[in-house]
Protein backbone atom coordinates (compact mmCIF):
# COMPACT_ATOMS: atom_id res chain seq x y z
CA MET A 1 4.28 95.72 8.41
CA ARG A 2 2.18 96.71 10.62
CA LEU A 3 3.03 94.80 15.02
CA ASN A 4 0.49 93.74 17.11
CA GLU A 5 0.54 93.05 20.73
CA VAL A 6 -0.10 89.68 21.07
CA VAL A 7 -2.89 88.85 23.61
CA TYR A 8 -4.09 85.69 25.24
CA THR A 9 -7.18 85.14 26.63
CA ASP A 10 -7.42 83.22 29.58
CA ALA A 11 -4.75 81.06 28.50
CA VAL A 12 -0.90 82.06 30.59
CA PRO A 13 2.76 81.58 28.16
CA VAL A 14 5.61 80.91 28.26
CA GLU A 15 7.39 83.54 29.22
CA GLY A 16 10.58 82.29 29.86
CA TYR A 17 13.02 78.65 30.68
CA GLY A 18 16.25 78.01 32.00
CA PRO A 19 18.19 75.15 33.71
CA GLY A 20 15.28 72.85 34.67
CA PHE A 21 13.08 75.29 35.36
CA PHE A 22 9.95 77.31 33.36
CA ARG A 23 8.46 80.42 33.58
CA LEU A 24 5.27 81.19 33.23
CA GLY A 25 2.40 83.64 34.54
CA GLY A 26 5.60 85.51 36.59
CA LYS A 27 5.72 82.58 37.96
CA VAL A 28 8.62 79.79 38.29
CA TYR A 29 7.92 76.26 37.90
CA GLU A 30 10.73 73.53 38.49
CA GLY A 31 10.69 70.37 36.15
CA ALA A 32 8.45 68.19 33.99
CA ILE A 33 5.26 70.47 33.90
CA ALA A 34 2.17 70.21 32.00
CA VAL A 35 0.52 73.86 30.47
CA LEU A 36 -3.23 72.41 30.04
CA PRO A 37 -6.45 74.72 29.62
CA GLN A 38 -7.43 74.35 33.19
CA GLY A 39 -4.00 75.30 34.52
CA ILE A 40 -0.63 74.51 35.01
CA ALA A 41 0.11 70.88 36.76
CA PRO A 42 3.25 68.48 38.04
CA TRP A 43 3.85 66.33 34.55
CA GLY A 44 4.96 62.85 35.01
CA GLY A 45 6.51 62.43 32.04
CA TYR A 46 6.04 59.67 29.24
CA GLU A 47 4.21 57.29 31.99
CA ASP A 48 2.30 60.62 32.71
CA THR A 49 -0.83 60.00 29.46
CA ALA A 50 -3.31 60.35 31.49
CA THR A 51 -2.14 64.43 32.87
CA LEU A 52 -2.86 64.99 29.32
CA ILE A 53 -5.80 62.65 28.10
CA ALA A 54 -7.91 64.69 30.99
CA SER A 55 -7.78 67.52 28.49
CA ALA A 56 -8.39 65.26 25.40
CA SER A 57 -12.23 66.82 25.40
CA ASP A 58 -10.54 70.66 25.00
CA LEU A 59 -7.55 70.21 22.74
CA ASP A 60 -6.24 69.44 19.59
CA VAL A 61 -2.50 68.89 19.43
CA VAL A 62 -0.79 68.43 22.53
CA PHE A 63 3.48 70.14 22.16
CA VAL A 64 5.92 67.23 23.80
CA GLY A 65 8.92 69.13 24.62
CA THR A 66 11.62 66.64 25.38
CA GLY A 67 14.80 68.43 26.73
CA ALA A 68 17.43 70.58 25.50
CA GLU A 69 18.11 68.26 22.47
CA ILE A 70 14.92 66.79 20.09
CA ALA A 71 14.32 62.63 20.26
CA HIS A 72 11.33 60.41 19.74
CA LEU A 73 8.24 60.19 21.61
CA PRO A 74 7.85 56.53 23.76
CA ALA A 75 5.81 54.62 21.21
CA ALA A 76 3.42 53.92 23.71
CA PHE A 77 3.38 57.09 25.33
CA ARG A 78 2.43 58.78 21.77
CA GLU A 79 -0.22 56.48 20.85
CA ALA A 80 -1.87 56.51 24.08
CA LEU A 81 -2.32 60.24 23.16
CA GLU A 82 -4.13 59.35 20.01
CA GLU A 83 -5.97 57.13 20.99
CA ALA A 84 -7.90 59.62 23.22
CA GLY A 85 -7.91 61.79 20.35
CA LEU A 86 -5.11 64.39 20.32
CA GLY A 87 -3.01 65.37 17.86
CA VAL A 88 1.36 64.97 19.23
CA GLU A 89 4.40 66.53 18.09
CA SER A 90 7.19 66.45 19.80
CA MET A 91 9.92 69.07 19.98
CA ALA A 92 12.67 70.52 21.80
CA SER A 93 11.76 72.01 24.88
CA PRO A 94 12.70 75.84 23.66
CA ALA A 95 11.19 74.80 19.76
CA ALA A 96 8.19 73.31 21.86
CA CYS A 97 7.55 76.86 24.02
CA ARG A 98 8.14 79.18 21.14
CA THR A 99 5.12 77.05 19.48
CA TYR A 100 2.27 76.84 21.85
CA ASN A 101 3.42 80.62 22.80
CA VAL A 102 2.40 81.58 18.47
CA LEU A 103 -0.83 79.13 18.41
CA LEU A 104 -2.03 80.80 22.25
CA SER A 105 -1.78 83.59 20.95
CA GLU A 106 -3.86 82.63 17.38
CA GLY A 107 -6.85 80.87 19.97
CA ARG A 108 -5.54 77.69 19.30
CA ARG A 109 -6.90 74.64 21.38
CA VAL A 110 -3.45 73.53 22.38
CA ALA A 111 -1.13 72.17 25.69
CA LEU A 112 2.11 71.38 26.15
CA ALA A 113 4.06 68.81 28.08
CA LEU A 114 7.39 70.18 29.24
CA LEU A 115 10.59 68.12 29.93
CA PRO A 116 13.53 71.02 31.82
CA VAL A 117 15.93 71.64 29.17
């Protein structure tokens, strides 16, 4: 088996997370965040679709980390993102971070919206 070092172009992968925080690009971010092609921003949770929709033209899918456990997304939240042309996948925040990093390393057009664990 041949292993290759993962190279991320301009995007920032998730380096770690813990109770109430996420670490990206060597910086710690408290609370809910959105990781978008334009950068990292605070995210207002399920009521805040505008932060994610603003990047819709640059994205194919948004991974939504629902915290420590997987949870269903509110219907209005999912519908708003899908109407903007975004694919939406929900999973627990740790799984969302890992999935985001893998697809990001493949050069995919992905974003991440995370609720803290």
